[in-house]
Amino acid sequence: MLEVVVLSMWEHLQPKKAQALKACCTFRGSFYKLNATNGNILQRTYMLPDNNGSRSEYAGARIWRHRPSIDTHRNAIYIAIGNMYSAPLNVTKCQEGQNNQRTPSEEDR
């Protein structure tokens, strides 16, 4: 069995060009488990919900490490993701509202 991560080319573009193209992305980071003998896909896991090719939905979440941590005792694979390119408008508006508050929305407990 082989595990394969899928990365985005956006990480390697010039910053100015990447910024200009940011709104065009539909890439979603993903992780594949392959049959080591024939290369058939045994399992595919996307890091974000399906965006149906829409540029106004979630995009990004590339996998940061090329090699995931594999825990055979727990039968688990650990990967780190990041670099979101876009999120739905209602999500970004909510984040902006939370991030730009002058006072906490809830008291500490």
PDB file of N, CA and C in Angstrom:
ATOM      1  N   MET A   1       0.846  -1.168   0.000  1.00  0.00           N
ATOM      2  CA  MET A   1       0.000   0.000   0.000  1.00  0.00           C
ATOM      3  C   MET A   1       0.895   1.236   0.000  1.00  0.00           C
ATOM      4  N   LEU A   2       0.500   2.230  -0.782  1.00  0.00           N
ATOM      5  CA  LEU A   2       1.198   3.511  -0.853  1.00  0.00           C
ATOM      6  C   LEU A   2       0.244   4.624  -0.451  1.00  0.00           C
ATOM      7  N   GLU A   3       0.779   5.639   0.222  1.00  0.00           N
ATOM      8  CA  GLU A   3      -0.006   6.832   0.514  1.00  0.00           C
ATOM      9  C   GLU A   3       0.572   7.975  -0.302  1.00  0.00           C
ATOM     10  N   VAL A   4      -0.292   8.746  -0.967  1.00  0.00           N
ATOM     11  CA  VAL A   4       0.142   9.833  -1.843  1.00  0.00           C
ATOM     12  C   VAL A   4      -0.630  11.094  -1.489  1.00  0.00           C
ATOM     13  N   VAL A   5       0.096  12.212  -1.370  1.00  0.00           N
ATOM     14  CA  VAL A   5      -0.566  13.495  -1.134  1.00  0.00           C
ATOM     15  C   VAL A   5      -0.597  14.282  -2.432  1.00  0.00           C
ATOM     16  N   VAL A   6      -1.589  15.141  -2.572  1.00  0.00           N
ATOM     17  CA  VAL A   6      -1.718  15.984  -3.761  1.00  0.00           C
ATOM     18  C   VAL A   6      -1.521  17.431  -3.335  1.00  0.00           C
ATOM     19  N   LEU A   7      -0.562  18.091  -3.973  1.00  0.00           N
ATOM     20  CA  LEU A   7      -0.237  19.479  -3.667  1.00  0.00           C
ATOM     21  C   LEU A   7      -0.716  20.382  -4.786  1.00  0.00           C
ATOM     22  N   SER A   8      -0.660  21.662  -4.543  1.00  0.00           N
ATOM     23  CA  SER A   8      -1.096  22.650  -5.523  1.00  0.00           C
ATOM     24  C   SER A   8       0.099  23.380  -6.111  1.00  0.00           C
ATOM     25  N   MET A   9       0.002  23.756  -7.383  1.00  0.00           N
ATOM     26  CA  MET A   9       1.073  24.528  -8.020  1.00  0.00           C
ATOM     27  C   MET A   9       1.100  25.971  -7.537  1.00  0.00           C
ATOM     28  N   TRP A  10       0.043  26.437  -6.894  1.00  0.00           N
ATOM     29  CA  TRP A  10      -0.046  27.836  -6.464  1.00  0.00           C
ATOM     30  C   TRP A  10       1.063  28.190  -5.487  1.00  0.00           C
ATOM     31  N   GLU A  11       1.561  27.219  -4.738  1.00  0.00           N
ATOM     32  CA  GLU A  11       2.598  27.489  -3.748  1.00  0.00           C
ATOM     33  C   GLU A  11       3.900  27.940  -4.397  1.00  0.00           C
ATOM     34  N   HIS A  12       4.102  27.589  -5.658  1.00  0.00           N
ATOM     35  CA  HIS A  12       5.383  27.839  -6.311  1.00  0.00           C
ATOM     36  C   HIS A  12       5.361  29.029  -7.264  1.00  0.00           C
ATOM     37  N   LEU A  13       4.235  29.706  -7.396  1.00  0.00           N
ATOM     38  CA  LEU A  13       4.148  30.864  -8.281  1.00  0.00           C
ATOM     39  C   LEU A  13       4.742  32.100  -7.616  1.00  0.00           C
ATOM     40  N   GLN A  14       5.081  33.065  -8.427  1.00  0.00           N
ATOM     41  CA  GLN A  14       5.548  34.344  -7.892  1.00  0.00           C
ATOM     42  C   GLN A  14       4.435  34.922  -7.014  1.00  0.00           C
ATOM     43  N   PRO A  15       4.757  35.542  -5.873  1.00  0.00           N
ATOM     44  CA  PRO A  15       3.717  36.078  -4.992  1.00  0.00           C
ATOM     45  C   PRO A  15       2.733  36.999  -5.700  1.00  0.00           C
ATOM     46  N   LYS A  16       3.215  37.879  -6.558  1.00  0.00           N
ATOM     47  CA  LYS A  16       2.330  38.817  -7.252  1.00  0.00           C
ATOM     48  C   LYS A  16       1.348  38.063  -8.151  1.00  0.00           C
ATOM     49  N   LYS A  17       1.848  37.089  -8.894  1.00  0.00           N
ATOM     50  CA  LYS A  17       0.993  36.319  -9.792  1.00  0.00           C
ATOM     51  C   LYS A  17       0.013  35.458  -8.995  1.00  0.00           C
ATOM     52  N   ALA A  18       0.494  34.841  -7.935  1.00  0.00           N
ATOM     53  CA  ALA A  18      -0.380  34.004  -7.111  1.00  0.00           C
ATOM     54  C   ALA A  18      -1.512  34.831  -6.517  1.00  0.00           C
ATOM     55  N   GLN A  19      -1.212  36.048  -6.076  1.00  0.00           N
ATOM     56  CA  GLN A  19      -2.248  36.918  -5.509  1.00  0.00           C
ATOM     57  C   GLN A  19      -3.306  37.246  -6.557  1.00  0.00           C
ATOM     58  N   ALA A  20      -2.880  37.533  -7.778  1.00  0.00           N
ATOM     59  CA  ALA A  20      -3.819  37.875  -8.846  1.00  0.00           C
ATOM     60  C   ALA A  20      -4.680  36.685  -9.233  1.00  0.00           C
ATOM     61  N   LEU A  21      -4.139  35.484  -9.105  1.00  0.00           N
ATOM     62  CA  LEU A  21      -4.874  34.291  -9.517  1.00  0.00           C
ATOM     63  C   LEU A  21      -5.638  33.638  -8.373  1.00  0.00           C
ATOM     64  N   LYS A  22      -5.532  34.185  -7.182  1.00  0.00           N
ATOM     65  CA  LYS A  22      -6.122  33.559  -6.005  1.00  0.00           C
ATOM     66  C   LYS A  22      -7.614  33.281  -6.174  1.00  0.00           C
ATOM     67  N   ALA A  23      -8.337  34.189  -6.786  1.00  0.00           N
ATOM     68  CA  ALA A  23      -9.785  34.039  -6.927  1.00  0.00           C
ATOM     69  C   ALA A  23     -10.184  32.971  -7.937  1.00  0.00           C
ATOM     70  N   CYS A  24      -9.236  32.463  -8.687  1.00  0.00           N
ATOM     71  CA  CYS A  24      -9.610  31.530  -9.751  1.00  0.00           C
ATOM     72  C   CYS A  24      -9.539  30.073  -9.330  1.00  0.00           C
ATOM     73  N   CYS A  25      -9.076  29.801  -8.081  1.00  0.00           N
ATOM     74  CA  CYS A  25      -8.725  28.421  -7.714  1.00  0.00           C
ATOM     75  C   CYS A  25      -9.924  27.586  -7.280  1.00  0.00           C
ATOM     76  N   THR A  26      -9.880  26.317  -7.665  1.00  0.00           N
ATOM     77  CA  THR A  26     -10.853  25.351  -7.170  1.00  0.00           C
ATOM     78  C   THR A  26     -10.147  24.142  -6.563  1.00  0.00           C
ATOM     79  N   PHE A  27      -8.813  24.187  -6.451  1.00  0.00           N
ATOM     80  CA  PHE A  27      -8.016  23.081  -5.927  1.00  0.00           C
ATOM     81  C   PHE A  27      -8.414  22.742  -4.499  1.00  0.00           C
ATOM     82  N   ARG A  28      -8.498  21.427  -4.215  1.00  0.00           N
ATOM     83  CA  ARG A  28      -8.714  20.937  -2.852  1.00  0.00           C
ATOM     84  C   ARG A  28      -7.625  19.919  -2.543  1.00  0.00           C
ATOM     85  N   GLY A  29      -6.912  20.115  -1.463  1.00  0.00           N
ATOM     86  CA  GLY A  29      -5.898  19.146  -1.059  1.00  0.00           C
ATOM     87  C   GLY A  29      -6.537  17.781  -0.865  1.00  0.00           C
ATOM     88  N   SER A  30      -5.795  16.734  -1.192  1.00  0.00           N
ATOM     89  CA  SER A  30      -6.337  15.386  -1.045  1.00  0.00           C
ATOM     90  C   SER A  30      -5.234  14.392  -0.719  1.00  0.00           C
ATOM     91  N   PHE A  31      -5.649  13.263  -0.216  1.00  0.00           N
ATOM     92  CA  PHE A  31      -4.751  12.198   0.203  1.00  0.00           C
ATOM     93  C   PHE A  31      -5.270  10.901  -0.404  1.00  0.00           C
ATOM     94  N   TYR A  32      -4.386  10.147  -1.036  1.00  0.00           N
ATOM     95  CA  TYR A  32      -4.769   8.901  -1.696  1.00  0.00           C
ATOM     96  C   TYR A  32      -4.067   7.714  -1.061  1.00  0.00           C
ATOM     97  N   LYS A  33      -4.794   6.612  -0.950  1.00  0.00           N
ATOM     98  CA  LYS A  33      -4.191   5.331  -0.597  1.00  0.00           C
ATOM     99  C   LYS A  33      -4.247   4.482  -1.863  1.00  0.00           C
ATOM    100  N   LEU A  34      -3.073   4.004  -2.313  1.00  0.00           N
ATOM    101  CA  LEU A  34      -2.976   3.256  -3.564  1.00  0.00           C
ATOM    102  C   LEU A  34      -2.548   1.822  -3.317  1.00  0.00           C
ATOM    103  N   ASN A  35      -2.971   0.926  -4.207  1.00  0.00           N
ATOM    104  CA  ASN A  35      -2.474  -0.440  -4.225  1.00  0.00           C
ATOM    105  C   ASN A  35      -1.047  -0.385  -4.757  1.00  0.00           C
ATOM    106  N   ALA A  36      -0.077  -0.863  -3.982  1.00  0.00           N
ATOM    107  CA  ALA A  36       1.333  -0.771  -4.371  1.00  0.00           C
ATOM    108  C   ALA A  36       1.658  -1.640  -5.578  1.00  0.00           C
ATOM    109  N   THR A  37       0.865  -2.650  -5.857  1.00  0.00           N
ATOM    110  CA  THR A  37       1.132  -3.549  -6.978  1.00  0.00           C
ATOM    111  C   THR A  37       0.676  -2.973  -8.307  1.00  0.00           C
ATOM    112  N   ASN A  38      -0.562  -2.484  -8.359  1.00  0.00           N
ATOM    113  CA  ASN A  38      -1.109  -2.043  -9.652  1.00  0.00           C
ATOM    114  C   ASN A  38      -1.427  -0.545  -9.724  1.00  0.00           C
ATOM    115  N   GLY A  39      -1.274   0.183  -8.624  1.00  0.00           N
ATOM    116  CA  GLY A  39      -1.522   1.624  -8.633  1.00  0.00           C
ATOM    117  C   GLY A  39      -2.981   2.021  -8.537  1.00  0.00           C
ATOM    118  N   ASN A  40      -3.883   1.059  -8.393  1.00  0.00           N
ATOM    119  CA  ASN A  40      -5.307   1.394  -8.274  1.00  0.00           C
ATOM    120  C   ASN A  40      -5.565   2.195  -6.999  1.00  0.00           C
ATOM    121  N   ILE A  41      -6.499   3.130  -7.093  1.00  0.00           N
ATOM    122  CA  ILE A  41      -6.874   3.945  -5.936  1.00  0.00           C
ATOM    123  C   ILE A  41      -7.748   3.108  -5.008  1.00  0.00           C
ATOM    124  N   LEU A  42      -7.306   2.966  -3.761  1.00  0.00           N
ATOM    125  CA  LEU A  42      -8.079   2.243  -2.760  1.00  0.00           C
ATOM    126  C   LEU A  42      -8.955   3.195  -1.951  1.00  0.00           C
ATOM    127  N   GLN A  43      -8.452   4.393  -1.727  1.00  0.00           N
ATOM    128  CA  GLN A  43      -9.201   5.386  -0.949  1.00  0.00           C
ATOM    129  C   GLN A  43      -8.698   6.775  -1.307  1.00  0.00           C
ATOM    130  N   ARG A  44      -9.618   7.741  -1.346  1.00  0.00           N
ATOM    131  CA  ARG A  44      -9.264   9.142  -1.596  1.00  0.00           C
ATOM    132  C   ARG A  44     -10.007   9.982  -0.563  1.00  0.00           C
ATOM    133  N   THR A  45      -9.271  10.877   0.073  1.00  0.00           N
ATOM    134  CA  THR A  45      -9.862  11.748   1.083  1.00  0.00           C
ATOM    135  C   THR A  45      -9.513  13.191   0.759  1.00  0.00           C
ATOM    136  N   TYR A  46     -10.534  14.013   0.556  1.00  0.00           N
ATOM    137  CA  TYR A  46     -10.318  15.444   0.325  1.00  0.00           C
ATOM    138  C   TYR A  46     -10.286  16.164   1.662  1.00  0.00           C
ATOM    139  N   MET A  47      -9.518  17.235   1.727  1.00  0.00           N
ATOM    140  CA  MET A  47      -9.375  17.997   2.957  1.00  0.00           C
ATOM    141  C   MET A  47     -10.468  19.048   3.135  1.00  0.00           C
ATOM    142  N   LEU A  48     -11.259  19.284   2.097  1.00  0.00           N
ATOM    143  CA  LEU A  48     -12.335  20.277   2.128  1.00  0.00           C
ATOM    144  C   LEU A  48     -13.598  19.694   1.509  1.00  0.00           C
ATOM    145  N   PRO A  49     -14.765  20.277   1.813  1.00  0.00           N
ATOM    146  CA  PRO A  49     -15.999  19.837   1.161  1.00  0.00           C
ATOM    147  C   PRO A  49     -15.932  20.060  -0.350  1.00  0.00           C
ATOM    148  N   ASP A  50     -16.742  19.328  -1.081  1.00  0.00           N
ATOM    149  CA  ASP A  50     -16.804  19.474  -2.541  1.00  0.00           C
ATOM    150  C   ASP A  50     -17.225  20.894  -2.891  1.00  0.00           C
ATOM    151  N   ASN A  51     -16.474  21.525  -3.785  1.00  0.00           N
ATOM    152  CA  ASN A  51     -16.821  22.886  -4.212  1.00  0.00           C
ATOM    153  C   ASN A  51     -17.507  22.892  -5.578  1.00  0.00           C
ATOM    154  N   ASN A  52     -17.744  21.715  -6.144  1.00  0.00           N
ATOM    155  CA  ASN A  52     -18.424  21.579  -7.441  1.00  0.00           C
ATOM    156  C   ASN A  52     -17.814  22.471  -8.514  1.00  0.00           C
ATOM    157  N   GLY A  53     -16.513  22.723  -8.410  1.00  0.00           N
ATOM    158  CA  GLY A  53     -15.829  23.546  -9.406  1.00  0.00           C
ATOM    159  C   GLY A  53     -16.115  25.031  -9.288  1.00  0.00           C
ATOM    160  N   SER A  54     -16.806  25.434  -8.230  1.00  0.00           N
ATOM    161  CA  SER A  54     -17.158  26.847  -8.046  1.00  0.00           C
ATOM    162  C   SER A  54     -16.000  27.596  -7.405  1.00  0.00           C
ATOM    163  N   ARG A  55     -15.697  28.753  -7.938  1.00  0.00           N
ATOM    164  CA  ARG A  55     -14.599  29.566  -7.415  1.00  0.00           C
ATOM    165  C   ARG A  55     -14.995  30.371  -6.185  1.00  0.00           C
ATOM    166  N   SER A  56     -16.247  30.300  -5.794  1.00  0.00           N
ATOM    167  CA  SER A  56     -16.692  31.060  -4.620  1.00  0.00           C
ATOM    168  C   SER A  56     -16.921  30.142  -3.415  1.00  0.00           C
ATOM    169  N   GLU A  57     -16.393  28.935  -3.476  1.00  0.00           N
ATOM    170  CA  GLU A  57     -16.531  27.980  -2.378  1.00  0.00           C
ATOM    171  C   GLU A  57     -15.156  27.715  -1.769  1.00  0.00           C
ATOM    172  N   TYR A  58     -15.067  26.695  -0.925  1.00  0.00           N
ATOM    173  CA  TYR A  58     -13.790  26.342  -0.311  1.00  0.00           C
ATOM    174  C   TYR A  58     -12.782  25.889  -1.355  1.00  0.00           C
ATOM    175  N   ALA A  59     -11.543  26.375  -1.234  1.00  0.00           N
ATOM    176  CA  ALA A  59     -10.435  25.923  -2.078  1.00  0.00           C
ATOM    177  C   ALA A  59      -9.147  26.050  -1.279  1.00  0.00           C
ATOM    178  N   GLY A  60      -8.216  25.165  -1.559  1.00  0.00           N
ATOM    179  CA  GLY A  60      -6.918  25.189  -0.890  1.00  0.00           C
ATOM    180  C   GLY A  60      -6.728  23.967  -0.025  1.00  0.00           C
ATOM    181  N   ALA A  61      -6.193  24.180   1.175  1.00  0.00           N
ATOM    182  CA  ALA A  61      -5.926  23.113   2.147  1.00  0.00           C
ATOM    183  C   ALA A  61      -4.924  22.097   1.623  1.00  0.00           C
ATOM    184  N   ARG A  62      -3.822  22.614   1.110  1.00  0.00           N
ATOM    185  CA  ARG A  62      -2.780  21.697   0.658  1.00  0.00           C
ATOM    186  C   ARG A  62      -2.163  21.006   1.855  1.00  0.00           C
ATOM    187  N   ILE A  63      -1.615  19.850   1.626  1.00  0.00           N
ATOM    188  CA  ILE A  63      -0.963  19.092   2.685  1.00  0.00           C
ATOM    189  C   ILE A  63       0.459  19.610   2.831  1.00  0.00           C
ATOM    190  N   TRP A  64       0.861  19.959   4.044  1.00  0.00           N
ATOM    191  CA  TRP A  64       2.152  20.610   4.264  1.00  0.00           C
ATOM    192  C   TRP A  64       3.331  19.662   4.189  1.00  0.00           C
ATOM    193  N   ARG A  65       3.225  18.507   4.727  1.00  0.00           N
ATOM    194  CA  ARG A  65       4.342  17.560   4.696  1.00  0.00           C
ATOM    195  C   ARG A  65       4.113  16.553   3.586  1.00  0.00           C
ATOM    196  N   HIS A  66       5.175  16.252   2.881  1.00  0.00           N
ATOM    197  CA  HIS A  66       5.050  15.260   1.812  1.00  0.00           C
ATOM    198  C   HIS A  66       4.889  13.855   2.378  1.00  0.00           C
ATOM    199  N   ARG A  67       5.361  13.638   3.582  1.00  0.00           N
ATOM    200  CA  ARG A  67       5.253  12.328   4.212  1.00  0.00           C
ATOM    201  C   ARG A  67       4.397  12.424   5.460  1.00  0.00           C
ATOM    202  N   PRO A  68       3.255  11.768   5.481  1.00  0.00           N
ATOM    203  CA  PRO A  68       2.410  11.822   6.676  1.00  0.00           C
ATOM    204  C   PRO A  68       2.998  10.963   7.799  1.00  0.00           C
ATOM    205  N   SER A  69       2.551  11.212   9.006  1.00  0.00           N
ATOM    206  CA  SER A  69       2.912  10.363  10.147  1.00  0.00           C
ATOM    207  C   SER A  69       1.921   9.219  10.197  1.00  0.00           C
ATOM    208  N   ILE A  70       2.434   8.002  10.237  1.00  0.00           N
ATOM    209  CA  ILE A  70       1.574   6.815  10.236  1.00  0.00           C
ATOM    210  C   ILE A  70       1.698   6.124  11.588  1.00  0.00           C
ATOM    211  N   ASP A  71       0.559   5.958  12.248  1.00  0.00           N
ATOM    212  CA  ASP A  71       0.499   5.299  13.546  1.00  0.00           C
ATOM    213  C   ASP A  71      -0.155   3.937  13.339  1.00  0.00           C
ATOM    214  N   THR A  72       0.663   2.893  13.225  1.00  0.00           N
ATOM    215  CA  THR A  72       0.124   1.549  12.968  1.00  0.00           C
ATOM    216  C   THR A  72      -0.604   0.993  14.187  1.00  0.00           C
ATOM    217  N   HIS A  73      -0.219   1.416  15.389  1.00  0.00           N
ATOM    218  CA  HIS A  73      -0.884   0.944  16.603  1.00  0.00           C
ATOM    219  C   HIS A  73      -2.344   1.403  16.642  1.00  0.00           C
ATOM    220  N   ARG A  74      -2.586   2.647  16.254  1.00  0.00           N
ATOM    221  CA  ARG A  74      -3.946   3.199  16.265  1.00  0.00           C
ATOM    222  C   ARG A  74      -4.631   3.098  14.906  1.00  0.00           C
ATOM    223  N   ASN A  75      -3.914   2.578  13.912  1.00  0.00           N
ATOM    224  CA  ASN A  75      -4.448   2.476  12.554  1.00  0.00           C
ATOM    225  C   ASN A  75      -4.906   3.854  12.057  1.00  0.00           C
ATOM    226  N   ALA A  76      -4.005   4.848  12.226  1.00  0.00           N
ATOM    227  CA  ALA A  76      -4.336   6.229  11.868  1.00  0.00           C
ATOM    228  C   ALA A  76      -3.187   6.871  11.096  1.00  0.00           C
ATOM    229  N   ILE A  77      -3.535   7.834  10.267  1.00  0.00           N
ATOM    230  CA  ILE A  77      -2.559   8.621   9.526  1.00  0.00           C
ATOM    231  C   ILE A  77      -2.795  10.080   9.886  1.00  0.00           C
ATOM    232  N   TYR A  78      -1.719  10.797  10.208  1.00  0.00           N
ATOM    233  CA  TYR A  78      -1.814  12.198  10.601  1.00  0.00           C
ATOM    234  C   TYR A  78      -1.153  13.067   9.537  1.00  0.00           C
ATOM    235  N   ILE A  79      -1.873  14.072   9.098  1.00  0.00           N
ATOM    236  CA  ILE A  79      -1.339  15.011   8.111  1.00  0.00           C
ATOM    237  C   ILE A  79      -1.664  16.428   8.564  1.00  0.00           C
ATOM    238  N   ALA A  80      -0.859  17.373   8.103  1.00  0.00           N
ATOM    239  CA  ALA A  80      -1.091  18.788   8.415  1.00  0.00           C
ATOM    240  C   ALA A  80      -1.502  19.503   7.134  1.00  0.00           C
ATOM    241  N   ILE A  81      -2.525  20.345   7.236  1.00  0.00           N
ATOM    242  CA  ILE A  81      -2.986  21.088   6.061  1.00  0.00           C
ATOM    243  C   ILE A  81      -2.952  22.578   6.348  1.00  0.00           C
ATOM    244  N   GLY A  82      -3.020  23.367   5.301  1.00  0.00           N
ATOM    245  CA  GLY A  82      -3.065  24.813   5.459  1.00  0.00           C
ATOM    246  C   GLY A  82      -3.180  25.490   4.117  1.00  0.00           C
ATOM    247  N   ASN A  83      -2.967  26.801   4.114  1.00  0.00           N
ATOM    248  CA  ASN A  83      -2.987  27.605   2.895  1.00  0.00           C
ATOM    249  C   ASN A  83      -4.342  27.556   2.196  1.00  0.00           C
ATOM    250  N   MET A  84      -5.331  28.088   2.872  1.00  0.00           N
ATOM    251  CA  MET A  84      -6.652  28.206   2.256  1.00  0.00           C
ATOM    252  C   MET A  84      -6.608  29.290   1.183  1.00  0.00           C
ATOM    253  N   TYR A  85      -7.177  29.007   0.028  1.00  0.00           N
ATOM    254  CA  TYR A  85      -7.228  29.988  -1.059  1.00  0.00           C
ATOM    255  C   TYR A  85      -8.532  30.773  -1.020  1.00  0.00           C
ATOM    256  N   SER A  86      -9.629  30.093  -0.701  1.00  0.00           N
ATOM    257  CA  SER A  86     -10.915  30.788  -0.646  1.00  0.00           C
ATOM    258  C   SER A  86     -11.879  30.020   0.244  1.00  0.00           C
ATOM    259  N   ALA A  87     -12.934  30.707   0.649  1.00  0.00           N
ATOM    260  CA  ALA A  87     -14.015  30.125   1.436  1.00  0.00           C
ATOM    261  C   ALA A  87     -15.303  30.802   0.995  1.00  0.00           C
ATOM    262  N   PRO A  88     -16.459  30.176   1.256  1.00  0.00           N
ATOM    263  CA  PRO A  88     -17.727  30.807   0.890  1.00  0.00           C
ATOM    264  C   PRO A  88     -17.863  32.188   1.538  1.00  0.00           C
ATOM    265  N   LEU A  89     -18.562  33.079   0.874  1.00  0.00           N
ATOM    266  CA  LEU A  89     -18.714  34.460   1.330  1.00  0.00           C
ATOM    267  C   LEU A  89     -19.286  34.542   2.743  1.00  0.00           C
ATOM    268  N   ASN A  90     -20.284  33.713   3.050  1.00  0.00           N
ATOM    269  CA  ASN A  90     -20.877  33.773   4.393  1.00  0.00           C
ATOM    270  C   ASN A  90     -19.856  33.389   5.471  1.00  0.00           C
ATOM    271  N   VAL A  91     -18.923  32.516   5.149  1.00  0.00           N
ATOM    272  CA  VAL A  91     -17.887  32.123   6.110  1.00  0.00           C
ATOM    273  C   VAL A  91     -16.882  33.253   6.296  1.00  0.00           C
ATOM    274  N   THR A  92     -16.417  33.849   5.208  1.00  0.00           N
ATOM    275  CA  THR A  92     -15.432  34.931   5.323  1.00  0.00           C
ATOM    276  C   THR A  92     -16.029  36.148   6.027  1.00  0.00           C
ATOM    277  N   LYS A  93     -17.302  36.452   5.773  1.00  0.00           N
ATOM    278  CA  LYS A  93     -17.947  37.577   6.462  1.00  0.00           C
ATOM    279  C   LYS A  93     -18.050  37.307   7.966  1.00  0.00           C
ATOM    280  N   CYS A  94     -18.371  36.079   8.322  1.00  0.00           N
ATOM    281  CA  CYS A  94     -18.445  35.711   9.735  1.00  0.00           C
ATOM    282  C   CYS A  94     -17.068  35.840  10.385  1.00  0.00           C
ATOM    283  N   GLN A  95     -16.034  35.353   9.712  1.00  0.00           N
ATOM    284  CA  GLN A  95     -14.672  35.455  10.249  1.00  0.00           C
ATOM    285  C   GLN A  95     -14.253  36.912  10.416  1.00  0.00           C
ATOM    286  N   GLU A  96     -14.551  37.737   9.433  1.00  0.00           N
ATOM    287  CA  GLU A  96     -14.207  39.163   9.522  1.00  0.00           C
ATOM    288  C   GLU A  96     -14.902  39.810  10.712  1.00  0.00           C
ATOM    289  N   GLY A  97     -16.164  39.465  10.903  1.00  0.00           N
ATOM    290  CA  GLY A  97     -16.907  40.017  12.032  1.00  0.00           C
ATOM    291  C   GLY A  97     -16.306  39.610  13.361  1.00  0.00           C
ATOM    292  N   GLN A  98     -15.903  38.352  13.483  1.00  0.00           N
ATOM    293  CA  GLN A  98     -15.283  37.866  14.718  1.00  0.00           C
ATOM    294  C   GLN A  98     -13.897  38.462  14.919  1.00  0.00           C
ATOM    295  N   ASN A  99     -13.114  38.528  13.851  1.00  0.00           N
ATOM    296  CA  ASN A  99     -11.728  38.994  13.957  1.00  0.00           C
ATOM    297  C   ASN A  99     -11.619  40.490  14.207  1.00  0.00           C
ATOM    298  N   ASN A 100     -12.627  41.258  13.830  1.00  0.00           N
ATOM    299  CA  ASN A 100     -12.552  42.712  13.948  1.00  0.00           C
ATOM    300  C   ASN A 100     -13.321  43.270  15.146  1.00  0.00           C
ATOM    301  N   GLN A 101     -13.701  42.421  16.076  1.00  0.00           N
ATOM    302  CA  GLN A 101     -14.410  42.893  17.264  1.00  0.00           C
ATOM    303  C   GLN A 101     -13.456  43.623  18.199  1.00  0.00           C
ATOM    304  N   ARG A 102     -13.991  44.628  18.880  1.00  0.00           N
ATOM    305  CA  ARG A 102     -13.186  45.355  19.870  1.00  0.00           C
ATOM    306  C   ARG A 102     -13.363  44.757  21.262  1.00  0.00           C
ATOM    307  N   THR A 103     -14.475  44.066  21.475  1.00  0.00           N
ATOM    308  CA  THR A 103     -14.716  43.404  22.757  1.00  0.00           C
ATOM    309  C   THR A 103     -15.083  41.950  22.478  1.00  0.00           C
ATOM    310  N   PRO A 104     -14.796  41.048  23.412  1.00  0.00           N
ATOM    311  CA  PRO A 104     -15.123  39.634  23.196  1.00  0.00           C
ATOM    312  C   PRO A 104     -16.623  39.428  23.045  1.00  0.00           C
ATOM    313  N   SER A 105     -17.002  38.468  22.236  1.00  0.00           N
ATOM    314  CA  SER A 105     -18.426  38.171  22.066  1.00  0.00           C
ATOM    315  C   SER A 105     -18.952  37.331  23.224  1.00  0.00           C
ATOM    316  N   GLU A 106     -18.058  36.628  23.938  1.00  0.00           N
ATOM    317  CA  GLU A 106     -18.437  35.839  25.105  1.00  0.00           C
ATOM    318  C   GLU A 106     -17.424  36.079  26.213  1.00  0.00           C
ATOM    319  N   GLU A 107     -17.897  36.019  27.446  1.00  0.00           N
ATOM    320  CA  GLU A 107     -16.981  36.155  28.577  1.00  0.00           C
ATOM    321  C   GLU A 107     -16.160  34.886  28.722  1.00  0.00           C
ATOM    322  N   ASP A 108     -14.939  35.031  29.262  1.00  0.00           N
ATOM    323  CA  ASP A 108     -14.123  33.855  29.574  1.00  0.00           C
ATOM    324  C   ASP A 108     -14.801  33.063  30.672  1.00  0.00           C
ATOM    325  N   ARG A 109     -14.668  31.765  30.600  1.00  0.00           N
ATOM    326  CA  ARG A 109     -15.286  30.902  31.628  1.00  0.00           C
ATOM    327  C   ARG A 109     -14.241  30.231  32.449  1.00  0.00           C
TER     328      ARG A 109
END
